[in-house]
Amino acid sequence: MSEVRIVRMSTGEDIIAGTDKGADAVTLNKPFVIIPMQAQPGKPVQLMMTPYMPYSAEDKVEVSKDKIVTIVKPKDDILKSYQANISQIITPNKELITETKLPKI
């Protein structure tokens, strides 16, 4: 069973994901990079999450254990934010909007 953890990579990235540990690698399920952002000096730092490897066709990434510095349990508020990110269902609009199909306002 996948446990949600924050993984600090040797590159400095913090990735939150469901984790499955293997002998030589850790599988990250639905990984997101945690990015601290500060709007202005003196303002509180906010955390933003963005998909890790967003152009991949898969929801899983296998990372060699030697590329991982540490693995920790996330704080509750970060875990809730991650769960909200992965639970969003996006249904793509498969119909192309053209001039003849513009919605009337």
N, C-alpha and C. Protein backbone atom coordinates (compact mmCIF):
# COMPACT_ATOMS: atom_id res chain seq x y z
N MET A 1 0.84 -1.19 0.00
CA MET A 1 0.00 0.00 0.00
C MET A 1 0.88 1.25 0.00
N SER A 2 0.52 2.21 -0.78
CA SER A 2 1.25 3.46 -0.94
C SER A 2 1.02 4.37 0.26
N GLU A 3 2.11 4.87 0.85
CA GLU A 3 2.01 5.85 1.93
C GLU A 3 2.44 7.19 1.36
N VAL A 4 1.68 8.25 1.64
CA VAL A 4 2.04 9.58 1.15
C VAL A 4 3.19 10.11 2.00
N ARG A 5 4.28 10.47 1.32
CA ARG A 5 5.48 10.97 1.98
C ARG A 5 6.06 12.12 1.18
N ILE A 6 6.87 12.93 1.84
CA ILE A 6 7.66 13.96 1.16
C ILE A 6 9.05 13.38 0.98
N VAL A 7 9.52 13.40 -0.26
CA VAL A 7 10.82 12.85 -0.62
C VAL A 7 11.75 14.00 -1.00
N ARG A 8 12.86 14.15 -0.28
CA ARG A 8 13.87 15.16 -0.63
C ARG A 8 14.87 14.49 -1.55
N MET A 9 14.96 15.03 -2.76
CA MET A 9 15.86 14.49 -3.77
C MET A 9 17.26 15.08 -3.60
N SER A 10 18.26 14.41 -4.12
CA SER A 10 19.63 14.91 -4.04
C SER A 10 19.78 16.22 -4.82
N THR A 11 18.85 16.50 -5.74
CA THR A 11 18.86 17.74 -6.51
C THR A 11 18.25 18.91 -5.73
N GLY A 12 17.68 18.63 -4.53
CA GLY A 12 17.08 19.67 -3.70
C GLY A 12 15.58 19.77 -3.82
N GLU A 13 14.99 19.06 -4.76
CA GLU A 13 13.54 19.10 -4.93
C GLU A 13 12.85 18.35 -3.78
N ASP A 14 11.72 18.89 -3.34
CA ASP A 14 10.86 18.19 -2.39
C ASP A 14 9.66 17.71 -3.17
N ILE A 15 9.43 16.40 -3.16
CA ILE A 15 8.34 15.80 -3.92
C ILE A 15 7.41 15.09 -2.96
N ILE A 16 6.11 15.38 -3.07
CA ILE A 16 5.12 14.68 -2.27
C ILE A 16 4.42 13.68 -3.19
N ALA A 17 4.28 12.45 -2.68
CA ALA A 17 3.71 11.39 -3.51
C ALA A 17 3.37 10.19 -2.65
N GLY A 18 2.55 9.32 -3.20
CA GLY A 18 2.40 8.01 -2.61
C GLY A 18 3.69 7.27 -2.88
N THR A 19 4.23 6.57 -1.89
CA THR A 19 5.52 5.92 -2.08
C THR A 19 5.42 4.41 -1.86
N ASP A 20 6.11 3.69 -2.70
CA ASP A 20 6.27 2.24 -2.55
C ASP A 20 7.77 1.97 -2.63
N LYS A 21 8.31 1.39 -1.57
CA LYS A 21 9.76 1.15 -1.52
C LYS A 21 10.09 -0.23 -2.06
N GLY A 22 11.05 -0.26 -2.98
CA GLY A 22 11.57 -1.51 -3.52
C GLY A 22 12.99 -1.72 -3.03
N ALA A 23 13.66 -2.72 -3.54
CA ALA A 23 15.02 -3.04 -3.12
C ALA A 23 16.00 -1.93 -3.51
N ASP A 24 15.92 -1.45 -4.73
CA ASP A 24 16.89 -0.46 -5.22
C ASP A 24 16.27 0.89 -5.57
N ALA A 25 14.93 0.97 -5.54
CA ALA A 25 14.26 2.20 -5.99
C ALA A 25 13.00 2.44 -5.16
N VAL A 26 12.52 3.66 -5.26
CA VAL A 26 11.25 4.05 -4.65
C VAL A 26 10.33 4.48 -5.78
N THR A 27 9.12 3.93 -5.81
CA THR A 27 8.15 4.33 -6.81
C THR A 27 7.31 5.45 -6.24
N LEU A 28 7.24 6.56 -6.97
CA LEU A 28 6.44 7.73 -6.58
C LEU A 28 5.14 7.69 -7.37
N ASN A 29 4.02 7.60 -6.68
CA ASN A 29 2.70 7.55 -7.30
C ASN A 29 2.06 8.94 -7.24
N LYS A 30 1.68 9.48 -8.39
CA LYS A 30 1.10 10.82 -8.52
C LYS A 30 1.97 11.86 -7.82
N PRO A 31 3.22 11.99 -8.25
CA PRO A 31 4.15 12.92 -7.59
C PRO A 31 3.90 14.39 -7.95
N PHE A 32 4.04 15.24 -6.94
CA PHE A 32 3.96 16.69 -7.10
C PHE A 32 5.19 17.32 -6.45
N VAL A 33 5.76 18.33 -7.09
CA VAL A 33 6.87 19.08 -6.52
C VAL A 33 6.29 20.16 -5.63
N ILE A 34 6.86 20.31 -4.44
CA ILE A 34 6.47 21.38 -3.52
C ILE A 34 7.40 22.55 -3.75
N ILE A 35 6.82 23.71 -4.08
CA ILE A 35 7.62 24.90 -4.39
C ILE A 35 7.26 26.01 -3.41
N PRO A 36 8.21 26.42 -2.54
CA PRO A 36 7.93 27.55 -1.65
C PRO A 36 8.02 28.86 -2.43
N MET A 37 7.02 29.73 -2.23
CA MET A 37 7.00 31.01 -2.95
C MET A 37 6.69 32.13 -1.96
N GLN A 38 7.39 33.24 -2.13
CA GLN A 38 7.16 34.42 -1.31
C GLN A 38 6.79 35.56 -2.24
N ALA A 39 5.57 36.10 -2.07
CA ALA A 39 5.08 37.15 -2.96
C ALA A 39 5.94 38.41 -2.86
N GLN A 40 6.22 38.82 -1.62
CA GLN A 40 7.02 40.02 -1.40
C GLN A 40 7.87 39.82 -0.16
N PRO A 41 8.99 40.53 -0.07
CA PRO A 41 9.80 40.44 1.15
C PRO A 41 8.96 40.78 2.39
N GLY A 42 9.12 40.00 3.42
CA GLY A 42 8.37 40.22 4.65
C GLY A 42 7.02 39.53 4.69
N LYS A 43 6.54 39.06 3.56
CA LYS A 43 5.27 38.34 3.50
C LYS A 43 5.52 36.86 3.80
N PRO A 44 4.50 36.14 4.29
CA PRO A 44 4.70 34.72 4.58
C PRO A 44 4.94 33.90 3.31
N VAL A 45 5.72 32.85 3.46
CA VAL A 45 6.00 31.94 2.36
C VAL A 45 4.80 31.03 2.18
N GLN A 46 4.37 30.86 0.93
CA GLN A 46 3.27 29.96 0.61
C GLN A 46 3.84 28.79 -0.19
N LEU A 47 3.19 27.65 -0.06
CA LEU A 47 3.64 26.48 -0.80
C LEU A 47 2.74 26.25 -2.00
N MET A 48 3.35 26.01 -3.14
CA MET A 48 2.63 25.70 -4.36
C MET A 48 3.01 24.28 -4.76
N MET A 49 2.07 23.54 -5.31
CA MET A 49 2.36 22.19 -5.79
C MET A 49 2.11 22.14 -7.29
N THR A 50 3.04 21.51 -7.97
CA THR A 50 2.90 21.34 -9.41
C THR A 50 3.28 19.89 -9.75
N PRO A 51 2.63 19.30 -10.73
CA PRO A 51 2.96 17.91 -11.07
C PRO A 51 4.43 17.74 -11.40
N TYR A 52 5.01 16.66 -10.91
CA TYR A 52 6.38 16.30 -11.22
C TYR A 52 6.37 15.52 -12.52
N MET A 53 7.16 15.94 -13.47
CA MET A 53 7.20 15.34 -14.82
C MET A 53 5.81 15.37 -15.47
N PRO A 54 5.23 16.56 -15.66
CA PRO A 54 3.87 16.67 -16.17
C PRO A 54 3.68 16.16 -17.59
N TYR A 55 4.74 15.96 -18.33
CA TYR A 55 4.61 15.51 -19.72
C TYR A 55 4.68 14.00 -19.85
N SER A 56 4.81 13.32 -18.73
CA SER A 56 4.85 11.86 -18.74
C SER A 56 3.46 11.29 -18.94
N ALA A 57 3.36 10.17 -19.62
CA ALA A 57 2.07 9.51 -19.84
C ALA A 57 1.68 8.66 -18.63
N GLU A 58 2.56 8.53 -17.66
CA GLU A 58 2.32 7.67 -16.51
C GLU A 58 2.15 8.49 -15.23
N ASP A 59 1.45 7.91 -14.26
CA ASP A 59 1.27 8.53 -12.95
C ASP A 59 2.33 8.09 -11.97
N LYS A 60 3.25 7.23 -12.39
CA LYS A 60 4.27 6.70 -11.50
C LYS A 60 5.67 7.01 -12.04
N VAL A 61 6.57 7.30 -11.11
CA VAL A 61 7.96 7.56 -11.46
C VAL A 61 8.82 6.71 -10.52
N GLU A 62 9.75 5.98 -11.08
CA GLU A 62 10.65 5.18 -10.27
C GLU A 62 11.96 5.94 -10.10
N VAL A 63 12.37 6.11 -8.83
CA VAL A 63 13.58 6.87 -8.51
C VAL A 63 14.56 5.95 -7.78
N SER A 64 15.79 5.96 -8.22
CA SER A 64 16.84 5.18 -7.58
C SER A 64 17.06 5.68 -6.15
N LYS A 65 17.23 4.76 -5.21
CA LYS A 65 17.39 5.15 -3.80
C LYS A 65 18.61 6.04 -3.57
N ASP A 66 19.62 5.94 -4.41
CA ASP A 66 20.81 6.77 -4.21
C ASP A 66 20.58 8.23 -4.61
N LYS A 67 19.44 8.54 -5.19
CA LYS A 67 19.09 9.92 -5.56
C LYS A 67 18.21 10.58 -4.50
N ILE A 68 17.89 9.83 -3.42
CA ILE A 68 17.01 10.32 -2.37
C ILE A 68 17.83 10.62 -1.12
N VAL A 69 17.61 11.82 -0.55
CA VAL A 69 18.31 12.23 0.67
C VAL A 69 17.53 11.74 1.89
N THR A 70 16.22 11.99 1.90
CA THR A 70 15.39 11.59 3.04
C THR A 70 13.93 11.46 2.63
N ILE A 71 13.17 10.74 3.43
CA ILE A 71 11.73 10.57 3.22
C ILE A 71 11.06 10.84 4.56
N VAL A 72 10.06 11.76 4.56
CA VAL A 72 9.37 12.12 5.80
C VAL A 72 7.87 12.14 5.60
N LYS A 73 7.16 12.05 6.71
CA LYS A 73 5.70 12.15 6.71
C LYS A 73 5.33 13.63 6.60
N PRO A 74 4.37 13.99 5.71
CA PRO A 74 4.00 15.40 5.56
C PRO A 74 3.13 15.89 6.72
N LYS A 75 3.17 17.20 6.96
CA LYS A 75 2.25 17.83 7.92
C LYS A 75 0.83 17.67 7.38
N ASP A 76 -0.14 17.71 8.28
CA ASP A 76 -1.54 17.48 7.91
C ASP A 76 -2.05 18.45 6.84
N ASP A 77 -1.73 19.74 6.96
CA ASP A 77 -2.23 20.72 5.99
C ASP A 77 -1.63 20.49 4.60
N ILE A 78 -0.37 20.07 4.54
CA ILE A 78 0.27 19.78 3.25
C ILE A 78 -0.34 18.50 2.65
N LEU A 79 -0.59 17.52 3.49
CA LEU A 79 -1.22 16.27 3.04
C LEU A 79 -2.61 16.55 2.46
N LYS A 80 -3.39 17.39 3.14
CA LYS A 80 -4.74 17.72 2.66
C LYS A 80 -4.69 18.45 1.32
N SER A 81 -3.72 19.34 1.17
CA SER A 81 -3.56 20.07 -0.08
C SER A 81 -3.19 19.10 -1.21
N TYR A 82 -2.29 18.17 -0.93
CA TYR A 82 -1.90 17.17 -1.92
C TYR A 82 -3.10 16.31 -2.32
N GLN A 83 -3.85 15.85 -1.34
CA GLN A 83 -5.01 15.02 -1.62
C GLN A 83 -6.04 15.78 -2.46
N ALA A 84 -6.21 17.07 -2.20
CA ALA A 84 -7.12 17.88 -3.01
C ALA A 84 -6.61 17.98 -4.45
N ASN A 85 -5.29 18.10 -4.62
CA ASN A 85 -4.71 18.19 -5.97
C ASN A 85 -4.92 16.91 -6.77
N ILE A 86 -4.74 15.75 -6.13
CA ILE A 86 -4.85 14.50 -6.88
C ILE A 86 -6.28 14.04 -7.05
N SER A 87 -7.22 14.60 -6.26
CA SER A 87 -8.61 14.16 -6.37
C SER A 87 -9.41 14.97 -7.38
N GLN A 88 -8.82 16.05 -7.89
CA GLN A 88 -9.53 16.85 -8.88
C GLN A 88 -9.68 16.06 -10.16
N ILE A 89 -10.92 15.97 -10.63
CA ILE A 89 -11.19 15.25 -11.87
C ILE A 89 -11.34 16.27 -12.98
N ILE A 90 -10.48 16.15 -13.96
CA ILE A 90 -10.54 17.07 -15.10
C ILE A 90 -11.05 16.30 -16.30
N THR A 91 -12.19 16.72 -16.82
CA THR A 91 -12.75 16.09 -18.01
C THR A 91 -12.44 16.98 -19.19
N PRO A 92 -11.59 16.51 -20.10
CA PRO A 92 -11.25 17.35 -21.24
C PRO A 92 -12.45 17.54 -22.17
N ASN A 93 -12.55 18.72 -22.74
CA ASN A 93 -13.60 19.01 -23.71
C ASN A 93 -13.11 18.48 -25.05
N LYS A 94 -13.75 17.46 -25.54
CA LYS A 94 -13.31 16.83 -26.78
C LYS A 94 -13.88 17.51 -28.01
N GLU A 95 -14.80 18.43 -27.81
CA GLU A 95 -15.41 19.12 -28.94
C GLU A 95 -14.71 20.46 -29.13
N LEU A 96 -14.27 20.71 -30.32
CA LEU A 96 -13.58 21.94 -30.64
C LEU A 96 -14.59 23.08 -30.76
N ILE A 97 -14.29 24.20 -30.12
CA ILE A 97 -15.17 25.37 -30.23
C ILE A 97 -14.76 26.14 -31.47
N THR A 98 -15.69 26.33 -32.36
CA THR A 98 -15.44 27.08 -33.58
C THR A 98 -16.37 28.29 -33.61
N GLU A 99 -16.22 29.13 -34.61
CA GLU A 99 -17.05 30.32 -34.70
C GLU A 99 -18.53 29.96 -34.79
N THR A 100 -18.85 28.84 -35.38
CA THR A 100 -20.27 28.47 -35.51
C THR A 100 -20.81 27.87 -34.22
N LYS A 101 -19.92 27.51 -33.29
CA LYS A 101 -20.36 26.90 -32.04
C LYS A 101 -20.05 27.77 -30.82
N LEU A 102 -19.88 29.07 -31.04
CA LEU A 102 -19.60 29.97 -29.93
C LEU A 102 -20.83 30.06 -29.02
N PRO A 103 -20.60 30.02 -27.72
CA PRO A 103 -21.75 30.17 -26.81
C PRO A 103 -22.31 31.58 -26.89
N LYS A 104 -23.64 31.67 -26.77
CA LYS A 104 -24.29 32.98 -26.80
C LYS A 104 -24.28 33.56 -25.40
N ILE A 105 -23.93 34.82 -25.33
CA ILE A 105 -23.84 35.50 -24.02
C ILE A 105 -25.05 36.41 -23.85
